[in-house]
Amino acid sequence: MRVLITGSAGFIGNQLALRLLERGDEVIGVDALDDYYDVTLKEARLRRTLAHPGFTDVRARIEDREAMAETFAKYRPERVVNLAAQAGVRYSIENPAAYIDSNLVGFGNILEGCRQCEVEHLVYASSSSVYGSNTRMPFSVHDNVNHPVSLYAASKKANELMAHTYSHLYGIPTTGLRFFTVYGPWGRPDMALFLFTRKILAGEPIPVFNYGKHRRDFTYIDDIVEGVIRVLDRPAPPNPDWDSDHPDNASSRAPWRLYNIGNNRPVELMHYIETLEKCLGREAEKELLPLQPGDVPDTYADVDDLVREFDYKPDTSVEEGVARFVEWYRDYYQV
């Protein structure tokens, strides 16, 4: 297939591009290499895909309407995976405009490109953050998610609604994937595992929010990518049993679906830190802090739909995943 991936120099996008290239797909990678975090890391990721003859590098922002229209018209992708977005819950409190531009305007440009090119399937990143104030665990895609607690979460919920509109009006199959705390080699420097590792090795204290008591459904990068590929390969079907009197929040009469991709085994933050300490052979100095604005205390993914419809469930343990990250980190940074 010819697959367009936005965010192709990003953590998930780059790993996905590699997997698709290795199986023989052609990949058009779109990335602006913005400086939200270390650009040299993005460039290092990108070098891995540039080595493949089936990869085309397009340097553009998804919020640039003209650039995206030209990209779709030139390459005519059969399928699209949108992973480009302004990430980060906490940053959305400080710089909301970045989320409006990338996550709303940019996603609108992706949808329009898919319409103009009659794309066979659009898969896009949503987030566990959409569950916001929900407290019933595990989080189910069939639950109502109308109470986000950050603009980042609201933008991801908006993406799901925008995609439904295009599926309904134009018959474009779209699938939203709610990712749960992705981690692993080549990860994002703004996320906890990366930050903790750097600070522990430097002998600096680490900030432990909610006093280490909140739980996250940490999901290893390879498990996320495998889930994305399985979903990408099967365009979203309509739900013929959808009932407007009892509407299902994860499907529709249109070809539109939502799935959680999470490890289905939430881990307390303090245990996550202890696992990292063992892998590094060092104890962290911890600065215990209250829960930050915009954060949710716990995340826990109900993945029953993913198991039933794709025969797939993420299963990499935190112990195994953190060890692989530390091995990569020491090799990449030579520490």
C-alpha atoms as a PDB file:
ATOM      1  CA  MET A   1       0.000   0.000   0.000  1.00  0.00           C
ATOM      2  CA  ARG A   2       0.948   3.646  -0.288  1.00  0.00           C
ATOM      3  CA  VAL A   3       0.539   5.002   3.236  1.00  0.00           C
ATOM      4  CA  LEU A   4       0.854   8.646   4.265  1.00  0.00           C
ATOM      5  CA  ILE A   5       2.015   9.037   7.877  1.00  0.00           C
ATOM      6  CA  THR A   6       1.967  12.437   9.534  1.00  0.00           C
ATOM      7  CA  GLY A   7       4.389  12.841  12.414  1.00  0.00           C
ATOM      8  CA  SER A   8       6.863  10.518  10.687  1.00  0.00           C
ATOM      9  CA  ALA A   9       9.787  11.811  12.767  1.00  0.00           C
ATOM     10  CA  GLY A  10       7.793  11.376  15.963  1.00  0.00           C
ATOM     11  CA  PHE A  11       7.985   8.580  18.499  1.00  0.00           C
ATOM     12  CA  ILE A  12       5.089   6.450  17.246  1.00  0.00           C
ATOM     13  CA  GLY A  13       5.079   7.642  13.639  1.00  0.00           C
ATOM     14  CA  ASN A  14       8.696   6.768  12.991  1.00  0.00           C
ATOM     15  CA  GLN A  15       8.413   3.277  14.441  1.00  0.00           C
ATOM     16  CA  LEU A  16       5.232   2.682  12.446  1.00  0.00           C
ATOM     17  CA  ALA A  17       6.915   3.883   9.240  1.00  0.00           C
ATOM     18  CA  LEU A  18       9.764   1.425   9.789  1.00  0.00           C
ATOM     19  CA  ARG A  19       7.389  -1.486  10.293  1.00  0.00           C
ATOM     20  CA  LEU A  20       5.399  -0.657   7.164  1.00  0.00           C
ATOM     21  CA  LEU A  21       8.543  -0.203   5.074  1.00  0.00           C
ATOM     22  CA  GLU A  22       9.931  -3.518   6.305  1.00  0.00           C
ATOM     23  CA  ARG A  23       6.829  -5.347   5.112  1.00  0.00           C
ATOM     24  CA  GLY A  24       7.033  -3.705   1.670  1.00  0.00           C
ATOM     25  CA  ASP A  25       4.637  -0.766   1.874  1.00  0.00           C
ATOM     26  CA  GLU A  26       5.474   2.630   0.398  1.00  0.00           C
ATOM     27  CA  VAL A  27       5.468   5.399   3.012  1.00  0.00           C
ATOM     28  CA  ILE A  28       5.091   9.142   2.525  1.00  0.00           C
ATOM     29  CA  GLY A  29       6.242  10.723   5.766  1.00  0.00           C
ATOM     30  CA  VAL A  30       5.076  14.222   6.689  1.00  0.00           C
ATOM     31  CA  ASP A  31       6.801  16.075   9.527  1.00  0.00           C
ATOM     32  CA  ALA A  32       7.731  19.681  10.283  1.00  0.00           C
ATOM     33  CA  LEU A  33      10.493  18.795  12.793  1.00  0.00           C
ATOM     34  CA  ASP A  34       9.217  21.461  15.171  1.00  0.00           C
ATOM     35  CA  ASP A  35      11.179  22.271  18.309  1.00  0.00           C
ATOM     36  CA  TYR A  36       8.635  21.265  20.980  1.00  0.00           C
ATOM     37  CA  TYR A  37      11.370  18.842  22.031  1.00  0.00           C
ATOM     38  CA  ASP A  38      14.917  17.988  20.913  1.00  0.00           C
ATOM     39  CA  VAL A  39      15.043  18.211  17.108  1.00  0.00           C
ATOM     40  CA  THR A  40      18.262  16.176  16.948  1.00  0.00           C
ATOM     41  CA  LEU A  41      16.369  13.177  18.327  1.00  0.00           C
ATOM     42  CA  LYS A  42      13.720  13.596  15.621  1.00  0.00           C
ATOM     43  CA  GLU A  43      16.450  13.827  12.990  1.00  0.00           C
ATOM     44  CA  ALA A  44      18.062  10.642  14.329  1.00  0.00           C
ATOM     45  CA  ARG A  45      14.738   8.817  14.108  1.00  0.00           C
ATOM     46  CA  LEU A  46      14.174  10.114  10.598  1.00  0.00           C
ATOM     47  CA  ARG A  47      17.560   8.856   9.405  1.00  0.00           C
ATOM     48  CA  ARG A  48      16.346   5.315  10.061  1.00  0.00           C
ATOM     49  CA  THR A  49      13.491   5.662   7.580  1.00  0.00           C
ATOM     50  CA  LEU A  50      15.422   7.731   5.037  1.00  0.00           C
ATOM     51  CA  ALA A  51      17.644   4.685   4.537  1.00  0.00           C
ATOM     52  CA  HIS A  52      14.690   2.834   2.955  1.00  0.00           C
ATOM     53  CA  PRO A  53      14.037   3.352  -0.790  1.00  0.00           C
ATOM     54  CA  GLY A  54      10.276   3.161  -0.200  1.00  0.00           C
ATOM     55  CA  PHE A  55      10.244   6.250   2.044  1.00  0.00           C
ATOM     56  CA  THR A  56       9.475   9.770   0.846  1.00  0.00           C
ATOM     57  CA  ASP A  57      10.209  12.665   3.213  1.00  0.00           C
ATOM     58  CA  VAL A  58       7.850  15.647   3.089  1.00  0.00           C
ATOM     59  CA  ARG A  59       8.721  18.596   5.335  1.00  0.00           C
ATOM     60  CA  ALA A  60       5.446  20.386   6.105  1.00  0.00           C
ATOM     61  CA  ARG A  61       3.074  21.355   8.879  1.00  0.00           C
ATOM     62  CA  ILE A  62      -0.336  19.764   8.774  1.00  0.00           C
ATOM     63  CA  GLU A  63      -1.919  23.134   9.597  1.00  0.00           C
ATOM     64  CA  ASP A  64      -0.540  24.465   6.292  1.00  0.00           C
ATOM     65  CA  ARG A  65      -3.612  23.919   4.131  1.00  0.00           C
ATOM     66  CA  GLU A  66      -1.891  24.505   0.800  1.00  0.00           C
ATOM     67  CA  ALA A  67       1.063  22.223   1.614  1.00  0.00           C
ATOM     68  CA  MET A  68      -1.216  19.406   2.711  1.00  0.00           C
ATOM     69  CA  ALA A  69      -3.458  19.739  -0.351  1.00  0.00           C
ATOM     70  CA  GLU A  70      -0.375  19.568  -2.597  1.00  0.00           C
ATOM     71  CA  THR A  71       0.981  16.536  -0.727  1.00  0.00           C
ATOM     72  CA  PHE A  72      -2.251  14.573  -1.077  1.00  0.00           C
ATOM     73  CA  ALA A  73      -2.628  15.537  -4.748  1.00  0.00           C
ATOM     74  CA  LYS A  74       0.968  14.614  -5.597  1.00  0.00           C
ATOM     75  CA  TYR A  75       1.254  11.272  -3.788  1.00  0.00           C
ATOM     76  CA  ARG A  76      -2.368  10.037  -3.797  1.00  0.00           C
ATOM     77  CA  PRO A  77      -2.062   7.846  -0.670  1.00  0.00           C
ATOM     78  CA  GLU A  78      -4.348   4.847  -0.359  1.00  0.00           C
ATOM     79  CA  ARG A  79      -4.366   4.974   3.432  1.00  0.00           C
ATOM     80  CA  VAL A  80      -3.442   7.620   5.980  1.00  0.00           C
ATOM     81  CA  VAL A  81      -2.269   7.514   9.592  1.00  0.00           C
ATOM     82  CA  ASN A  82      -2.425  10.876  11.361  1.00  0.00           C
ATOM     83  CA  LEU A  83       0.013  10.968  14.273  1.00  0.00           C
ATOM     84  CA  ALA A  84       1.083  14.612  13.948  1.00  0.00           C
ATOM     85  CA  ALA A  85      -0.274  16.725  16.777  1.00  0.00           C
ATOM     86  CA  GLN A  86       0.771  19.127  19.444  1.00  0.00           C
ATOM     87  CA  ALA A  87       1.303  16.713  22.307  1.00  0.00           C
ATOM     88  CA  GLY A  88       1.328  17.127  26.064  1.00  0.00           C
ATOM     89  CA  VAL A  89      -1.407  17.764  28.603  1.00  0.00           C
ATOM     90  CA  ARG A  90       0.538  20.282  30.695  1.00  0.00           C
ATOM     91  CA  TYR A  91       1.824  22.301  27.732  1.00  0.00           C
ATOM     92  CA  SER A  92      -1.770  22.824  26.594  1.00  0.00           C
ATOM     93  CA  ILE A  93      -2.371  24.909  29.710  1.00  0.00           C
ATOM     94  CA  GLU A  94       0.542  27.210  28.833  1.00  0.00           C
ATOM     95  CA  ASN A  95       0.169  27.398  25.043  1.00  0.00           C
ATOM     96  CA  PRO A  96      -3.384  26.591  23.938  1.00  0.00           C
ATOM     97  CA  ALA A  97      -3.002  28.188  20.487  1.00  0.00           C
ATOM     98  CA  ALA A  98      -0.571  25.451  19.408  1.00  0.00           C
ATOM     99  CA  TYR A  99      -3.299  22.856  19.991  1.00  0.00           C
ATOM    100  CA  ILE A 100      -5.900  24.793  18.042  1.00  0.00           C
ATOM    101  CA  ASP A 101      -3.532  25.119  15.072  1.00  0.00           C
ATOM    102  CA  SER A 102      -2.200  21.576  14.882  1.00  0.00           C
ATOM    103  CA  ASN A 103      -4.861  19.395  16.444  1.00  0.00           C
ATOM    104  CA  LEU A 104      -7.914  21.134  15.022  1.00  0.00           C
ATOM    105  CA  VAL A 105      -6.930  23.097  11.900  1.00  0.00           C
ATOM    106  CA  GLY A 106      -4.306  20.512  10.965  1.00  0.00           C
ATOM    107  CA  PHE A 107      -6.644  17.574  11.435  1.00  0.00           C
ATOM    108  CA  GLY A 108      -9.257  19.337   9.331  1.00  0.00           C
ATOM    109  CA  ASN A 109      -6.695  19.553   6.511  1.00  0.00           C
ATOM    110  CA  ILE A 110      -6.013  15.811   6.827  1.00  0.00           C
ATOM    111  CA  LEU A 111      -9.705  15.002   6.606  1.00  0.00           C
ATOM    112  CA  GLU A 112     -10.113  17.203   3.549  1.00  0.00           C
ATOM    113  CA  GLY A 113      -7.101  15.567   1.881  1.00  0.00           C
ATOM    114  CA  CYS A 114      -8.650  12.159   2.515  1.00  0.00           C
ATOM    115  CA  ARG A 115     -11.918  13.324   0.965  1.00  0.00           C
ATOM    116  CA  GLN A 116     -10.291  14.774  -2.138  1.00  0.00           C
ATOM    117  CA  CYS A 117      -8.163  11.646  -2.715  1.00  0.00           C
ATOM    118  CA  GLU A 118     -10.874   9.128  -1.789  1.00  0.00           C
ATOM    119  CA  VAL A 119      -8.572   7.529   0.790  1.00  0.00           C
ATOM    120  CA  GLU A 120      -9.518   3.947   1.685  1.00  0.00           C
ATOM    121  CA  HIS A 121      -8.969   4.343   5.438  1.00  0.00           C
ATOM    122  CA  LEU A 122      -7.872   7.079   7.840  1.00  0.00           C
ATOM    123  CA  VAL A 123      -6.463   5.979  11.192  1.00  0.00           C
ATOM    124  CA  TYR A 124      -5.717   8.757  13.666  1.00  0.00           C
ATOM    125  CA  ALA A 125      -4.334   9.130  17.170  1.00  0.00           C
ATOM    126  CA  SER A 126      -6.762  10.000  19.893  1.00  0.00           C
ATOM    127  CA  SER A 127      -5.792   9.734  23.557  1.00  0.00           C
ATOM    128  CA  SER A 128      -6.740   8.254  26.922  1.00  0.00           C
ATOM    129  CA  SER A 129      -6.915  11.894  28.044  1.00  0.00           C
ATOM    130  CA  VAL A 130     -10.402  12.147  26.506  1.00  0.00           C
ATOM    131  CA  TYR A 131     -11.779  10.226  29.506  1.00  0.00           C
ATOM    132  CA  GLY A 132     -11.206  13.350  31.607  1.00  0.00           C
ATOM    133  CA  SER A 133     -13.418  13.342  34.690  1.00  0.00           C
ATOM    134  CA  ASN A 134     -14.616   9.761  34.165  1.00  0.00           C
ATOM    135  CA  THR A 135     -13.989   7.573  37.210  1.00  0.00           C
ATOM    136  CA  ARG A 136     -15.500   4.225  36.199  1.00  0.00           C
ATOM    137  CA  MET A 137     -12.666   1.793  35.484  1.00  0.00           C
ATOM    138  CA  PRO A 138     -11.560   0.400  33.138  1.00  0.00           C
ATOM    139  CA  PHE A 139     -12.211   3.188  30.644  1.00  0.00           C
ATOM    140  CA  SER A 140     -14.435   1.932  27.839  1.00  0.00           C
ATOM    141  CA  VAL A 141     -14.836   3.418  24.365  1.00  0.00           C
ATOM    142  CA  HIS A 142     -18.568   2.904  24.854  1.00  0.00           C
ATOM    143  CA  ASP A 143     -18.645   5.386  27.762  1.00  0.00           C
ATOM    144  CA  ASN A 144     -19.562   9.051  27.392  1.00  0.00           C
ATOM    145  CA  VAL A 145     -16.485  11.327  27.289  1.00  0.00           C
ATOM    146  CA  ASN A 146     -17.945  14.815  27.350  1.00  0.00           C
ATOM    147  CA  HIS A 147     -15.969  16.185  30.312  1.00  0.00           C
ATOM    148  CA  PRO A 148     -12.307  16.677  29.295  1.00  0.00           C
ATOM    149  CA  VAL A 149     -10.008  18.380  31.831  1.00  0.00           C
ATOM    150  CA  SER A 150      -7.406  19.796  29.406  1.00  0.00           C
ATOM    151  CA  LEU A 151      -7.487  21.481  26.017  1.00  0.00           C
ATOM    152  CA  TYR A 152      -5.304  18.657  24.681  1.00  0.00           C
ATOM    153  CA  ALA A 153      -8.021  16.167  25.643  1.00  0.00           C
ATOM    154  CA  ALA A 154     -10.731  18.395  24.190  1.00  0.00           C
ATOM    155  CA  SER A 155      -8.833  18.619  20.884  1.00  0.00           C
ATOM    156  CA  LYS A 156      -8.621  14.822  20.694  1.00  0.00           C
ATOM    157  CA  LYS A 157     -12.325  14.441  21.413  1.00  0.00           C
ATOM    158  CA  ALA A 158     -12.964  17.046  18.703  1.00  0.00           C
ATOM    159  CA  ASN A 159     -10.913  14.950  16.256  1.00  0.00           C
ATOM    160  CA  GLU A 160     -13.203  11.989  16.885  1.00  0.00           C
ATOM    161  CA  LEU A 161     -16.267  14.137  16.148  1.00  0.00           C
ATOM    162  CA  MET A 162     -14.707  15.716  13.057  1.00  0.00           C
ATOM    163  CA  ALA A 163     -13.803  12.273  11.716  1.00  0.00           C
ATOM    164  CA  HIS A 164     -17.355  11.052  12.271  1.00  0.00           C
ATOM    165  CA  THR A 165     -18.709  13.942  10.231  1.00  0.00           C
ATOM    166  CA  TYR A 166     -16.475  13.063   7.271  1.00  0.00           C
ATOM    167  CA  SER A 167     -17.352   9.369   7.586  1.00  0.00           C
ATOM    168  CA  HIS A 168     -21.052  10.246   7.639  1.00  0.00           C
ATOM    169  CA  LEU A 169     -21.021  12.808   4.825  1.00  0.00           C
ATOM    170  CA  TYR A 170     -18.460  11.315   2.464  1.00  0.00           C
ATOM    171  CA  GLY A 171     -18.288   7.626   3.402  1.00  0.00           C
ATOM    172  CA  ILE A 172     -14.601   7.791   4.393  1.00  0.00           C
ATOM    173  CA  PRO A 173     -13.710   4.917   6.760  1.00  0.00           C
ATOM    174  CA  THR A 174     -12.066   6.460   9.838  1.00  0.00           C
ATOM    175  CA  THR A 175     -10.748   4.828  13.002  1.00  0.00           C
ATOM    176  CA  GLY A 176      -9.646   6.661  16.128  1.00  0.00           C
ATOM    177  CA  LEU A 177      -7.192   4.996  18.499  1.00  0.00           C
ATOM    178  CA  ARG A 178      -7.069   6.125  22.109  1.00  0.00           C
ATOM    179  CA  PHE A 179      -3.462   5.547  23.132  1.00  0.00           C
ATOM    180  CA  PHE A 180      -2.592   4.958  26.785  1.00  0.00           C
ATOM    181  CA  THR A 181       0.772   6.370  28.023  1.00  0.00           C
ATOM    182  CA  VAL A 182       3.128   5.117  25.319  1.00  0.00           C
ATOM    183  CA  TYR A 183       6.767   4.530  26.311  1.00  0.00           C
ATOM    184  CA  GLY A 184       9.889   2.754  25.065  1.00  0.00           C
ATOM    185  CA  PRO A 185      13.106   3.257  23.028  1.00  0.00           C
ATOM    186  CA  TRP A 186      13.251   6.426  20.912  1.00  0.00           C
ATOM    187  CA  GLY A 187      10.553   7.930  23.138  1.00  0.00           C
ATOM    188  CA  ARG A 188       9.616  11.526  23.820  1.00  0.00           C
ATOM    189  CA  PRO A 189      11.968  13.538  26.086  1.00  0.00           C
ATOM    190  CA  ASP A 190       9.024  15.404  27.629  1.00  0.00           C
ATOM    191  CA  MET A 191       7.501  12.226  29.070  1.00  0.00           C
ATOM    192  CA  ALA A 192       8.105  10.832  32.541  1.00  0.00           C
ATOM    193  CA  LEU A 193      10.357   7.871  31.722  1.00  0.00           C
ATOM    194  CA  PHE A 194      12.766  10.001  29.686  1.00  0.00           C
ATOM    195  CA  LEU A 195      12.773  12.837  32.251  1.00  0.00           C
ATOM    196  CA  PHE A 196      13.259  10.488  35.191  1.00  0.00           C
ATOM    197  CA  THR A 197      16.123   8.628  33.512  1.00  0.00           C
ATOM    198  CA  ARG A 198      17.992  11.801  32.648  1.00  0.00           C
ATOM    199  CA  LYS A 199      17.603  13.269  36.134  1.00  0.00           C
ATOM    200  CA  ILE A 200      18.483  10.072  38.011  1.00  0.00           C
ATOM    201  CA  LEU A 201      21.672   9.613  35.988  1.00  0.00           C
ATOM    202  CA  ALA A 202      22.543  13.281  36.591  1.00  0.00           C
ATOM    203  CA  GLY A 203      21.932  12.952  40.335  1.00  0.00           C
ATOM    204  CA  GLU A 204      19.040  15.419  40.225  1.00  0.00           C
ATOM    205  CA  PRO A 205      15.712  15.043  42.102  1.00  0.00           C
ATOM    206  CA  ILE A 206      12.724  13.852  40.074  1.00  0.00           C
ATOM    207  CA  PRO A 207       9.254  15.467  40.388  1.00  0.00           C
ATOM    208  CA  VAL A 208       6.723  12.840  41.499  1.00  0.00           C
ATOM    209  CA  PHE A 209       3.224  14.211  41.042  1.00  0.00           C
ATOM    210  CA  ASN A 210       0.231  13.053  43.072  1.00  0.00           C
ATOM    211  CA  TYR A 211       2.851  11.761  45.522  1.00  0.00           C
ATOM    212  CA  GLY A 212       3.407   8.780  43.221  1.00  0.00           C
ATOM    213  CA  LYS A 213      -0.057   7.384  43.865  1.00  0.00           C
ATOM    214  CA  HIS A 214      -1.665   7.786  40.460  1.00  0.00           C
ATOM    215  CA  ARG A 215      -1.794   4.839  38.109  1.00  0.00           C
ATOM    216  CA  ARG A 216      -1.135   4.698  34.386  1.00  0.00           C
ATOM    217  CA  ASP A 217      -1.802   2.023  31.795  1.00  0.00           C
ATOM    218  CA  PHE A 218       1.781   2.199  30.463  1.00  0.00           C
ATOM    219  CA  THR A 219       1.833   0.733  26.938  1.00  0.00           C
ATOM    220  CA  TYR A 220       5.033  -0.302  25.172  1.00  0.00           C
ATOM    221  CA  ILE A 221       5.756   1.218  21.759  1.00  0.00           C
ATOM    222  CA  ASP A 222       5.916  -2.082  19.840  1.00  0.00           C
ATOM    223  CA  ASP A 223       2.478  -3.044  21.183  1.00  0.00           C
ATOM    224  CA  ILE A 224       1.049   0.283  20.034  1.00  0.00           C
ATOM    225  CA  VAL A 225       2.516  -0.069  16.532  1.00  0.00           C
ATOM    226  CA  GLU A 226       1.234  -3.622  16.150  1.00  0.00           C
ATOM    227  CA  GLY A 227      -2.241  -2.438  17.101  1.00  0.00           C
ATOM    228  CA  VAL A 228      -2.110   0.456  14.628  1.00  0.00           C
ATOM    229  CA  ILE A 229      -1.096  -1.869  11.777  1.00  0.00           C
ATOM    230  CA  ARG A 230      -3.847  -4.374  12.507  1.00  0.00           C
ATOM    231  CA  VAL A 231      -6.437  -1.606  12.530  1.00  0.00           C
ATOM    232  CA  LEU A 232      -4.996   0.117   9.426  1.00  0.00           C
ATOM    233  CA  ASP A 233      -5.267  -3.097   7.427  1.00  0.00           C
ATOM    234  CA  ARG A 234      -9.025  -3.332   8.026  1.00  0.00           C
ATOM    235  CA  PRO A 235     -11.010  -0.207   7.118  1.00  0.00           C
ATOM    236  CA  ALA A 236     -13.679   0.766   9.619  1.00  0.00           C
ATOM    237  CA  PRO A 237     -17.079  -0.737   8.771  1.00  0.00           C
ATOM    238  CA  PRO A 238     -20.485   0.749   9.573  1.00  0.00           C
ATOM    239  CA  ASN A 239     -22.342  -0.794  12.495  1.00  0.00           C
ATOM    240  CA  PRO A 240     -25.610  -2.125  11.019  1.00  0.00           C
ATOM    241  CA  ASP A 241     -27.027  -2.596  14.527  1.00  0.00           C
ATOM    242  CA  TRP A 242     -26.405   1.009  15.649  1.00  0.00           C
ATOM    243  CA  ASP A 243     -29.537   2.295  17.375  1.00  0.00           C
ATOM    244  CA  SER A 244     -30.186   6.024  17.723  1.00  0.00           C
ATOM    245  CA  ASP A 245     -32.407   5.376  20.749  1.00  0.00           C
ATOM    246  CA  HIS A 246     -29.470   3.686  22.507  1.00  0.00           C
ATOM    247  CA  PRO A 247     -26.435   5.126  20.695  1.00  0.00           C
ATOM    248  CA  ASP A 248     -23.101   3.371  20.972  1.00  0.00           C
ATOM    249  CA  ASN A 249     -20.291   5.911  21.483  1.00  0.00           C
ATOM    250  CA  ALA A 250     -17.677   3.791  19.662  1.00  0.00           C
ATOM    251  CA  SER A 251     -19.440   3.033  16.369  1.00  0.00           C
ATOM    252  CA  SER A 252     -21.991   4.458  13.968  1.00  0.00           C
ATOM    253  CA  ARG A 253     -24.098   3.810  10.914  1.00  0.00           C
ATOM    254  CA  ALA A 254     -21.184   5.541   9.182  1.00  0.00           C
ATOM    255  CA  PRO A 255     -17.849   3.697   8.658  1.00  0.00           C
ATOM    256  CA  TRP A 256     -16.397   5.103  11.912  1.00  0.00           C
ATOM    257  CA  ARG A 257     -14.880   3.299  14.899  1.00  0.00           C
ATOM    258  CA  LEU A 258     -13.009   3.975  18.141  1.00  0.00           C
ATOM    259  CA  TYR A 259     -10.680   1.643  20.060  1.00  0.00           C
ATOM    260  CA  ASN A 260      -8.523   1.793  23.155  1.00  0.00           C
ATOM    261  CA  ILE A 261      -4.935   0.588  22.836  1.00  0.00           C
ATOM    262  CA  GLY A 262      -3.564   0.091  26.324  1.00  0.00           C
ATOM    263  CA  ASN A 263      -1.782  -2.544  28.339  1.00  0.00           C
ATOM    264  CA  ASN A 264      -4.919  -3.274  30.400  1.00  0.00           C
ATOM    265  CA  ARG A 265      -2.694  -3.491  33.506  1.00  0.00           C
ATOM    266  CA  PRO A 266      -2.418  -0.111  35.273  1.00  0.00           C
ATOM    267  CA  VAL A 267       0.766   0.427  37.263  1.00  0.00           C
ATOM    268  CA  GLU A 268       1.226   2.838  40.164  1.00  0.00           C
ATOM    269  CA  LEU A 269       3.729   5.565  39.332  1.00  0.00           C
ATOM    270  CA  MET A 270       5.891   4.689  42.340  1.00  0.00           C
ATOM    271  CA  HIS A 271       6.260   1.107  41.079  1.00  0.00           C
ATOM    272  CA  TYR A 272       7.203   2.457  37.645  1.00  0.00           C
ATOM    273  CA  ILE A 273       9.932   4.539  39.283  1.00  0.00           C
ATOM    274  CA  GLU A 274      11.160   1.578  41.354  1.00  0.00           C
ATOM    275  CA  THR A 275      11.419  -0.504  38.181  1.00  0.00           C
ATOM    276  CA  LEU A 276      13.474   2.250  36.552  1.00  0.00           C
ATOM    277  CA  GLU A 277      15.735   2.484  39.604  1.00  0.00           C
ATOM    278  CA  LYS A 278      16.473  -1.242  39.393  1.00  0.00           C
ATOM    279  CA  CYS A 279      17.291  -1.020  35.680  1.00  0.00           C
ATOM    280  CA  LEU A 280      19.597   1.970  36.235  1.00  0.00           C
ATOM    281  CA  GLY A 281      21.152   0.574  39.400  1.00  0.00           C
ATOM    282  CA  ARG A 282      20.527   3.899  41.154  1.00  0.00           C
ATOM    283  CA  GLU A 283      17.994   5.240  43.615  1.00  0.00           C
ATOM    284  CA  ALA A 284      16.122   8.412  42.737  1.00  0.00           C
ATOM    285  CA  GLU A 285      15.815  11.438  44.952  1.00  0.00           C
ATOM    286  CA  LYS A 286      12.069  12.119  44.845  1.00  0.00           C
ATOM    287  CA  GLU A 287      10.330  15.467  45.129  1.00  0.00           C
ATOM    288  CA  LEU A 288       6.751  14.557  46.102  1.00  0.00           C
ATOM    289  CA  LEU A 289       4.186  16.962  44.619  1.00  0.00           C
ATOM    290  CA  PRO A 290       0.367  17.207  44.304  1.00  0.00           C
ATOM    291  CA  LEU A 291      -1.515  16.233  41.144  1.00  0.00           C
ATOM    292  CA  GLN A 292      -0.954  18.770  38.375  1.00  0.00           C
ATOM    293  CA  PRO A 293      -3.821  20.696  36.733  1.00  0.00           C
ATOM    294  CA  GLY A 294      -5.134  18.849  33.673  1.00  0.00           C
ATOM    295  CA  ASP A 295      -3.883  15.429  34.834  1.00  0.00           C
ATOM    296  CA  VAL A 296      -6.205  12.553  35.716  1.00  0.00           C
ATOM    297  CA  PRO A 297      -5.440  10.330  38.729  1.00  0.00           C
ATOM    298  CA  ASP A 298      -5.699   6.986  36.931  1.00  0.00           C
ATOM    299  CA  THR A 299      -5.951   5.472  33.454  1.00  0.00           C
ATOM    300  CA  TYR A 300      -6.985   1.895  32.732  1.00  0.00           C
ATOM    301  CA  ALA A 301      -7.952   0.679  29.253  1.00  0.00           C
ATOM    302  CA  ASP A 302     -10.794  -1.675  28.469  1.00  0.00           C
ATOM    303  CA  VAL A 303      -9.464  -3.399  25.336  1.00  0.00           C
ATOM    304  CA  ASP A 304     -12.223  -5.984  24.874  1.00  0.00           C
ATOM    305  CA  ASP A 305     -13.195  -4.570  21.459  1.00  0.00           C
ATOM    306  CA  LEU A 306      -9.595  -4.733  20.239  1.00  0.00           C
ATOM    307  CA  VAL A 307      -9.286  -8.355  21.392  1.00  0.00           C
ATOM    308  CA  ARG A 308     -12.625  -9.394  19.924  1.00  0.00           C
ATOM    309  CA  GLU A 309     -12.318  -7.663  16.552  1.00  0.00           C
ATOM    310  CA  PHE A 310      -8.567  -7.878  15.892  1.00  0.00           C
ATOM    311  CA  ASP A 311      -7.483 -10.780  18.100  1.00  0.00           C
ATOM    312  CA  TYR A 312      -4.902  -8.504  19.668  1.00  0.00           C
ATOM    313  CA  LYS A 313      -3.979  -7.251  23.123  1.00  0.00           C
ATOM    314  CA  PRO A 314      -0.825  -5.368  24.206  1.00  0.00           C
ATOM    315  CA  ASP A 315       1.134  -7.583  26.606  1.00  0.00           C
ATOM    316  CA  THR A 316       4.656  -6.192  27.219  1.00  0.00           C
ATOM    317  CA  SER A 317       5.237  -5.854  30.970  1.00  0.00           C
ATOM    318  CA  VAL A 318       6.566  -2.631  32.489  1.00  0.00           C
ATOM    319  CA  GLU A 319       9.615  -4.522  33.729  1.00  0.00           C
ATOM    320  CA  GLU A 320      10.502  -5.681  30.225  1.00  0.00           C
ATOM    321  CA  GLY A 321       9.636  -2.388  28.530  1.00  0.00           C
ATOM    322  CA  VAL A 322      11.570  -0.162  30.952  1.00  0.00           C
ATOM    323  CA  ALA A 323      14.625  -2.416  30.694  1.00  0.00           C
ATOM    324  CA  ARG A 324      14.582  -2.084  26.893  1.00  0.00           C
ATOM    325  CA  PHE A 325      14.255   1.693  27.178  1.00  0.00           C
ATOM    326  CA  VAL A 326      17.199   1.965  29.564  1.00  0.00           C
ATOM    327  CA  GLU A 327      19.350  -0.192  27.273  1.00  0.00           C
ATOM    328  CA  TRP A 328      18.503   2.096  24.341  1.00  0.00           C
ATOM    329  CA  TYR A 329      19.000   5.288  26.375  1.00  0.00           C
ATOM    330  CA  ARG A 330      22.470   4.279  27.578  1.00  0.00           C
ATOM    331  CA  ASP A 331      23.505   3.337  24.053  1.00  0.00           C
ATOM    332  CA  TYR A 332      22.054   6.457  22.379  1.00  0.00           C
ATOM    333  CA  TYR A 333      23.435   8.957  24.909  1.00  0.00           C
ATOM    334  CA  GLN A 334      26.532   6.908  25.780  1.00  0.00           C
ATOM    335  CA  VAL A 335      25.942   7.108  29.546  1.00  0.00           C
END
